[in-house]
Structures are given as C-alpha cells and as structure tokens.
C-alpha cells in the first residue's frame, strides 16, 4: 500500500469532500463547504496519494473538552487499502483528550463501539412537507445579528460546547434562521438550508414542543419545498406529530459518544444541527 500523506484540506478540497458526501446520498447543503468550515477551519483532514485526495474526515474541535467526527469517506475506488483508517486515526489524534461525538449508521455502529463509542440515542430522518400555519405567529421572527449573543446562550443548553463562530455564519443568509421570542426571552430557534434535494432543518431547539412545531411550520413555509429533519428519539411525541402531518420516516443514525455523555436538554432537541458537525 502506498503511504498516504495527511493534511488539512483547503476550501476547494472541502468542496470535493462535500461532493463525495452527495455521491453517497447524504444530501448535503448547497453551501455546506462554506458554512461548515467556521466551526473549525483546520478540522477538515484528507489523506493524499500522489497528490490526489483518497479519503477525508471532519474532526471538529469545539474547544478543549468536546469534538465531533463526521464526513468520514474514502473514495470508492480506493477502499480496502487502509486509507480510511489512516485518516480516521489522524482525526482521533487531533481530538485526543476530548469527549467525542458522532452519528453512526447502523452498519458501522459495531465498529464504533469497538473504538470506545457508546450509544446515546437514535436519530431518524423525516421528510415531506408541513402545512402552512393557519396564521403567522407574532412571536416568530427572522434572526437579526444583534440576537447572536442571546442565541449562543440558548444554544448551550442543547449543544455540548460553545460554537459562536459557527453560529455566526449558520444563522446568516442564504440560510433561513427564525427565532421564537417572548419579550427578551428566547423560546426556541431553527435554521433551514437548501440542499441538493429540498431543504434541511437544523438545528431545531426549543423549550417546548409547541414552539418547535411553530418554528418548523414557519421554516417550511419559507422554504416552499420538501424538507428533511433529523429528529432524536429523545424528543417525546414530536416524531408522531410529524407523521400525522404527512412526513415520512427515513434512515436512522445513532448518536454515540466516547467519553462522558454531555449533559444536555435532550427533550428540547427536536432537530439536530447536522450529521456532519453534531
């Protein structure tokens, strides 16, 4: 086997990795190569042979205590040669000493268990359209730049680490970002982004299920296309509500952690941010 060189991906190479994800059927966002990088610009790694990328991974460091693994792909014509393991090991080394999270498909979960990852909860993808709300909610409004500090504070109840740089871009156009407010209090927020097929909703965080449903309806109205949302099984009856509204249940992943499981408001996570970054 030819030795592979591991290095950080340039922006154009992150585009290539996102294209590989699309070829795998993961339906990434149209702007994901740009929108994901601010979380940790040095966290996208590739294995290169003779100057060509043969495998990639995102190993995102959210500070010194938490990291997340995603976009773990080996080019189909280079599989079975150890390049995937080489880039995986590089990602693990980069995030050493942190609690690590990932979303694993069923066929890979045994491998992740062998590497020390423990299941936390299943996530299911729901796809379809949501009926427009009977009337707009005065409490739901577009996110404005001045809201960022309060949304960062709200986000911390539902995500294991601060991620200000990521949210600054994720909550901006061309994404559609809505917040539900009561006075100066954030009750929930959600983001929609155009994907290769339809749009994905994520995150969808809210203090109450009714708020999550309101935000989802408003986001769906603004997207005006099929939507997809990855819903944890910890979100109570929210999934049943989506099924009653005509959405269909698709593939599943398992959120897994290596290290202490983060203490989060799991019952308020109605849609995860992304399978790639947590």
Protein backbone atom coordinates (compact mmCIF):
# COMPACT_ATOMS: atom_id res chain seq x y z
CA UNK A 1 0.00 0.00 0.00
CA UNK A 2 1.25 3.45 -0.91
CA UNK A 3 1.76 5.66 2.12
CA UNK A 4 -0.74 8.45 2.36
CA UNK A 5 0.04 12.00 3.35
CA UNK A 6 -2.38 13.56 5.85
CA UNK A 7 -3.01 17.30 5.79
CA UNK A 8 -5.64 19.95 6.39
CA UNK A 9 -7.98 20.48 3.47
CA UNK A 10 -8.05 23.72 1.52
CA UNK A 11 -11.51 25.25 0.95
CA UNK A 12 -11.73 23.78 -2.55
CA UNK A 13 -10.90 20.34 -1.16
CA UNK A 14 -13.67 20.66 1.42
CA UNK A 15 -15.93 21.22 -1.61
CA UNK A 16 -14.68 17.92 -3.00
CA UNK A 17 -15.40 16.12 0.27
CA UNK A 18 -18.93 17.57 0.28
CA UNK A 19 -19.36 16.33 -3.32
CA UNK A 20 -18.33 12.86 -2.14
CA UNK A 21 -20.98 13.10 0.58
CA UNK A 22 -23.56 13.95 -2.09
CA UNK A 23 -22.47 10.91 -4.13
CA UNK A 24 -23.02 8.77 -1.01
CA UNK A 25 -26.62 10.00 -0.91
CA UNK A 26 -26.16 12.20 2.17
CA UNK A 27 -27.79 15.22 0.51
CA UNK A 28 -25.51 17.97 1.88
CA UNK A 29 -26.43 21.64 1.85
CA UNK A 30 -25.68 23.67 -1.26
CA UNK A 31 -23.38 25.98 0.75
CA UNK A 32 -22.07 23.42 3.25
CA UNK A 33 -18.43 23.67 2.21
CA UNK A 34 -18.52 27.33 3.20
CA UNK A 35 -20.98 27.09 6.09
CA UNK A 36 -19.32 24.21 7.95
CA UNK A 37 -15.73 25.46 7.91
CA UNK A 38 -16.05 28.26 10.52
CA UNK A 39 -16.72 25.63 13.21
CA UNK A 40 -13.02 24.69 12.97
CA UNK A 41 -11.22 25.62 9.73
CA UNK A 42 -8.34 23.24 10.50
CA UNK A 43 -10.67 20.35 11.33
CA UNK A 44 -11.15 19.01 7.80
CA UNK A 45 -8.48 16.44 7.01
CA UNK A 46 -7.60 14.45 3.93
CA UNK A 47 -5.39 11.53 3.02
CA UNK A 48 -3.48 12.14 -0.21
CA UNK A 49 -1.70 9.71 -2.52
CA UNK A 50 0.39 11.12 -5.37
CA UNK A 51 -1.26 14.49 -4.77
CA UNK A 52 -4.84 13.18 -5.02
CA UNK A 53 -7.26 13.02 -2.10
CA UNK A 54 -8.31 9.45 -1.42
CA UNK A 55 -10.10 9.83 1.95
CA UNK A 56 -11.41 12.60 4.15
CA UNK A 57 -12.89 13.32 7.56
CA UNK A 58 -14.10 16.25 9.63
CA UNK A 59 -12.59 16.20 13.12
CA UNK A 60 -14.06 19.35 14.63
CA UNK A 61 -12.67 20.72 17.87
CA UNK A 62 -15.20 22.66 19.92
CA UNK A 63 -12.63 23.92 22.42
CA UNK A 64 -10.58 21.64 24.65
CA UNK A 65 -13.38 19.42 26.00
CA UNK A 66 -15.54 18.32 23.05
CA UNK A 67 -15.09 17.28 19.44
CA UNK A 68 -17.20 15.76 16.70
CA UNK A 69 -16.41 13.35 13.86
CA UNK A 70 -18.19 13.43 10.51
CA UNK A 71 -17.76 13.34 6.72
CA UNK A 72 -15.72 10.16 7.07
CA UNK A 73 -15.46 8.99 3.47
CA UNK A 74 -12.97 7.03 1.41
CA UNK A 75 -13.09 7.42 -2.35
CA UNK A 76 -14.87 4.33 -3.70
CA UNK A 77 -12.03 3.26 -6.00
CA UNK A 78 -9.51 3.44 -3.12
CA UNK A 79 -11.42 1.46 -0.49
CA UNK A 80 -9.98 -1.61 1.17
CA UNK A 81 -6.43 -0.22 1.13
CA UNK A 82 -6.26 1.27 4.62
CA UNK A 83 -6.61 4.92 3.63
CA UNK A 84 -9.87 5.32 5.54
CA UNK A 85 -8.27 4.06 8.73
CA UNK A 86 -5.30 6.36 8.19
CA UNK A 87 -7.48 9.47 8.03
CA UNK A 88 -9.64 8.20 10.91
CA UNK A 89 -6.56 7.80 13.09
CA UNK A 90 -5.47 11.33 12.19
CA UNK A 91 -8.84 12.67 13.26
CA UNK A 92 -8.69 10.79 16.55
CA UNK A 93 -5.21 12.11 17.21
CA UNK A 94 -6.28 15.67 16.51
CA UNK A 95 -9.14 15.42 19.01
CA UNK A 96 -7.30 13.46 21.71
CA UNK A 97 -8.33 14.21 25.28
CA UNK A 98 -11.86 15.34 24.39
CA UNK A 99 -15.26 13.74 24.68
CA UNK A 100 -16.09 12.82 21.08
CA UNK A 101 -19.44 12.55 19.35
CA UNK A 102 -20.55 11.11 16.03
CA UNK A 103 -23.71 9.97 14.27
CA UNK A 104 -23.23 6.40 13.08
CA UNK A 105 -25.26 4.48 10.52
CA UNK A 106 -26.39 1.03 11.74
CA UNK A 107 -23.84 -0.93 9.70
CA UNK A 108 -20.94 0.97 11.27
CA UNK A 109 -22.09 1.07 14.89
CA UNK A 110 -20.31 -2.15 15.88
CA UNK A 111 -17.05 -0.70 14.57
CA UNK A 112 -17.56 2.50 16.56
CA UNK A 113 -18.36 0.50 19.69
CA UNK A 114 -15.07 -1.34 19.26
CA UNK A 115 -13.35 2.06 19.20
CA UNK A 116 -14.90 3.05 22.52
CA UNK A 117 -18.01 4.90 21.37
CA UNK A 118 -21.19 4.27 23.40
CA UNK A 119 -24.75 4.70 22.03
CA UNK A 120 -26.72 7.66 23.42
CA UNK A 121 -29.88 7.83 21.30
CA UNK A 122 -31.18 7.10 17.81
CA UNK A 123 -32.00 9.81 15.30
CA UNK A 124 -34.46 9.35 12.45
CA UNK A 125 -34.81 11.43 9.31
CA UNK A 126 -38.28 12.69 8.46
CA UNK A 127 -39.03 14.08 5.01
CA UNK A 128 -42.00 15.76 3.41
CA UNK A 129 -43.93 18.98 3.58
CA UNK A 130 -45.68 20.65 6.51
CA UNK A 131 -48.94 22.51 6.10
CA UNK A 132 -48.57 26.25 6.38
CA UNK A 133 -49.61 27.67 9.75
CA UNK A 134 -53.19 28.95 9.87
CA UNK A 135 -51.78 32.36 10.70
CA UNK A 136 -48.31 33.67 11.26
CA UNK A 137 -47.05 33.86 14.82
CA UNK A 138 -46.12 37.27 16.08
CA UNK A 139 -43.53 35.59 18.30
CA UNK A 140 -41.62 34.07 15.38
CA UNK A 141 -39.26 36.40 13.56
CA UNK A 142 -36.10 36.29 11.47
CA UNK A 143 -32.85 36.18 13.41
CA UNK A 144 -31.01 39.51 13.34
CA UNK A 145 -27.27 39.97 14.02
CA UNK A 146 -27.95 41.59 17.38
CA UNK A 147 -29.63 38.41 18.61
CA UNK A 148 -26.48 36.32 18.30
CA UNK A 149 -25.32 36.59 21.95
CA UNK A 150 -28.69 35.50 23.35
CA UNK A 151 -28.93 32.66 20.83
CA UNK A 152 -25.44 31.49 21.76
CA UNK A 153 -26.56 31.34 25.39
CA UNK A 154 -29.75 29.46 24.47
CA UNK A 155 -27.81 27.05 22.24
CA UNK A 156 -25.59 25.96 25.14
CA UNK A 157 -28.47 24.07 26.78
CA UNK A 158 -28.74 21.82 23.72
CA UNK A 159 -25.19 21.55 22.35
CA UNK A 160 -22.15 20.27 24.30
CA UNK A 161 -19.86 23.28 23.74
CA UNK A 162 -19.82 26.95 22.72
CA UNK A 163 -19.80 27.43 18.94
CA UNK A 164 -20.04 31.18 18.37
CA UNK A 165 -18.00 31.28 15.15
CA UNK A 166 -20.10 28.52 13.61
CA UNK A 167 -23.43 30.07 14.61
CA UNK A 168 -22.48 33.48 13.24
CA UNK A 169 -22.37 32.01 9.75
CA UNK A 170 -25.03 29.33 10.19
CA UNK A 171 -27.63 31.90 11.24
CA UNK A 172 -26.91 34.13 8.25
CA UNK A 173 -28.17 34.22 4.66
CA UNK A 174 -28.58 32.27 2.48
CA UNK A 175 -29.77 30.11 5.40
CA UNK A 176 -33.22 30.88 6.79
CA UNK A 177 -32.96 31.40 10.56
CA UNK A 178 -36.02 32.03 12.73
CA UNK A 179 -36.35 32.62 16.46
CA UNK A 180 -39.37 32.49 18.75
CA UNK A 181 -39.28 35.19 21.41
CA UNK A 182 -41.37 36.14 24.41
CA UNK A 183 -40.28 39.61 25.31
CA UNK A 184 -36.50 39.35 25.65
CA UNK A 185 -36.57 35.59 26.27
CA UNK A 186 -35.65 33.06 23.58
CA UNK A 187 -38.15 30.20 23.46
CA UNK A 188 -36.59 28.40 20.51
CA UNK A 189 -34.86 28.80 17.18
CA UNK A 190 -34.46 26.89 13.94
CA UNK A 191 -32.47 27.08 10.70
CA UNK A 192 -33.23 25.84 7.19
CA UNK A 193 -30.71 25.46 4.41
CA UNK A 194 -31.11 24.50 0.78
CA UNK A 195 -29.68 21.09 -0.07
CA UNK A 196 -29.03 19.14 -3.23
CA UNK A 197 -32.61 17.88 -2.76
CA UNK A 198 -35.08 20.06 -0.89
CA UNK A 199 -34.03 21.73 2.35
CA UNK A 200 -32.80 20.52 5.72
CA UNK A 201 -33.93 21.90 9.05
CA UNK A 202 -31.31 22.03 11.78
CA UNK A 203 -30.90 22.86 14.45
CA UNK A 204 -34.42 23.00 15.82
CA UNK A 205 -34.08 23.70 19.54
CA UNK A 206 -36.99 24.79 21.73
CA UNK A 207 -38.11 24.84 25.34
CA UNK A 208 -41.49 23.33 24.40
CA UNK A 209 -42.74 21.05 21.63
CA UNK A 210 -45.41 23.54 20.59
CA UNK A 211 -42.71 26.12 19.93
CA UNK A 212 -40.74 23.63 17.86
CA UNK A 213 -43.82 22.85 15.79
CA UNK A 214 -44.48 26.54 15.20
CA UNK A 215 -40.91 27.16 14.07
CA UNK A 216 -40.93 24.12 11.80
CA UNK A 217 -44.15 25.24 10.11
CA UNK A 218 -42.79 28.73 9.54
CA UNK A 219 -39.49 27.39 8.18
CA UNK A 220 -41.30 25.00 5.86
CA UNK A 221 -43.46 27.86 4.59
CA UNK A 222 -40.40 29.93 3.75
CA UNK A 223 -38.57 27.01 2.10
CA UNK A 224 -41.53 26.15 -0.16
CA UNK A 225 -40.07 22.71 -0.94
CA UNK A 226 -39.68 19.26 0.58
CA UNK A 227 -37.93 19.46 3.94
CA UNK A 228 -35.78 16.96 5.84
CA UNK A 229 -35.14 16.94 9.58
CA UNK A 230 -33.10 14.55 11.75
CA UNK A 231 -35.14 14.02 14.92
CA UNK A 232 -33.72 12.37 18.07
CA UNK A 233 -35.89 9.76 19.74
CA UNK A 234 -35.48 11.79 22.95
CA UNK A 235 -37.87 14.47 21.65
CA UNK A 236 -41.03 12.89 23.05
CA UNK A 237 -44.05 12.75 20.74
CA UNK A 238 -42.62 15.20 18.19
CA UNK A 239 -41.94 12.43 15.65
CA UNK A 240 -45.52 11.18 15.95
CA UNK A 241 -46.70 14.70 15.21
CA UNK A 242 -44.58 14.81 12.06
CA UNK A 243 -46.03 11.51 10.87
CA UNK A 244 -49.57 12.75 11.45
CA UNK A 245 -48.73 15.81 9.37
CA UNK A 246 -47.76 13.57 6.47
CA UNK A 247 -44.00 13.40 6.73
CA UNK A 248 -42.30 10.05 6.09
CA UNK A 249 -39.71 8.32 8.28
CA UNK A 250 -36.41 7.53 6.61
CA UNK A 251 -32.99 6.30 7.58
CA UNK A 252 -31.63 6.22 11.11
CA UNK A 253 -28.34 7.00 12.77
CA UNK A 254 -27.11 6.57 16.33
CA UNK A 255 -25.61 9.43 18.30
CA UNK A 256 -22.60 7.93 20.03
CA UNK A 257 -20.04 9.38 22.44
CA UNK A 258 -16.59 8.37 23.53
CA UNK A 259 -16.06 9.86 26.96
CA UNK A 260 -18.62 11.28 29.36
CA UNK A 261 -22.02 11.83 27.76
CA UNK A 262 -22.71 15.59 27.67
CA UNK A 263 -25.47 16.83 29.98
CA UNK A 264 -27.98 18.46 27.64
CA UNK A 265 -31.66 19.41 27.48
CA UNK A 266 -32.31 16.39 25.27
CA UNK A 267 -36.07 16.85 25.38
CA UNK A 268 -35.63 20.21 23.66
CA UNK A 269 -33.57 18.92 20.72
CA UNK A 270 -36.23 18.48 18.04
CA UNK A 271 -33.78 18.50 15.14
CA UNK A 272 -30.02 18.10 15.29
CA UNK A 273 -27.85 20.70 13.57
CA UNK A 274 -26.12 18.39 11.09
CA UNK A 275 -24.98 14.77 10.96
CA UNK A 276 -21.57 16.11 9.99
CA UNK A 277 -20.90 18.52 12.89
CA UNK A 278 -23.30 17.42 15.62
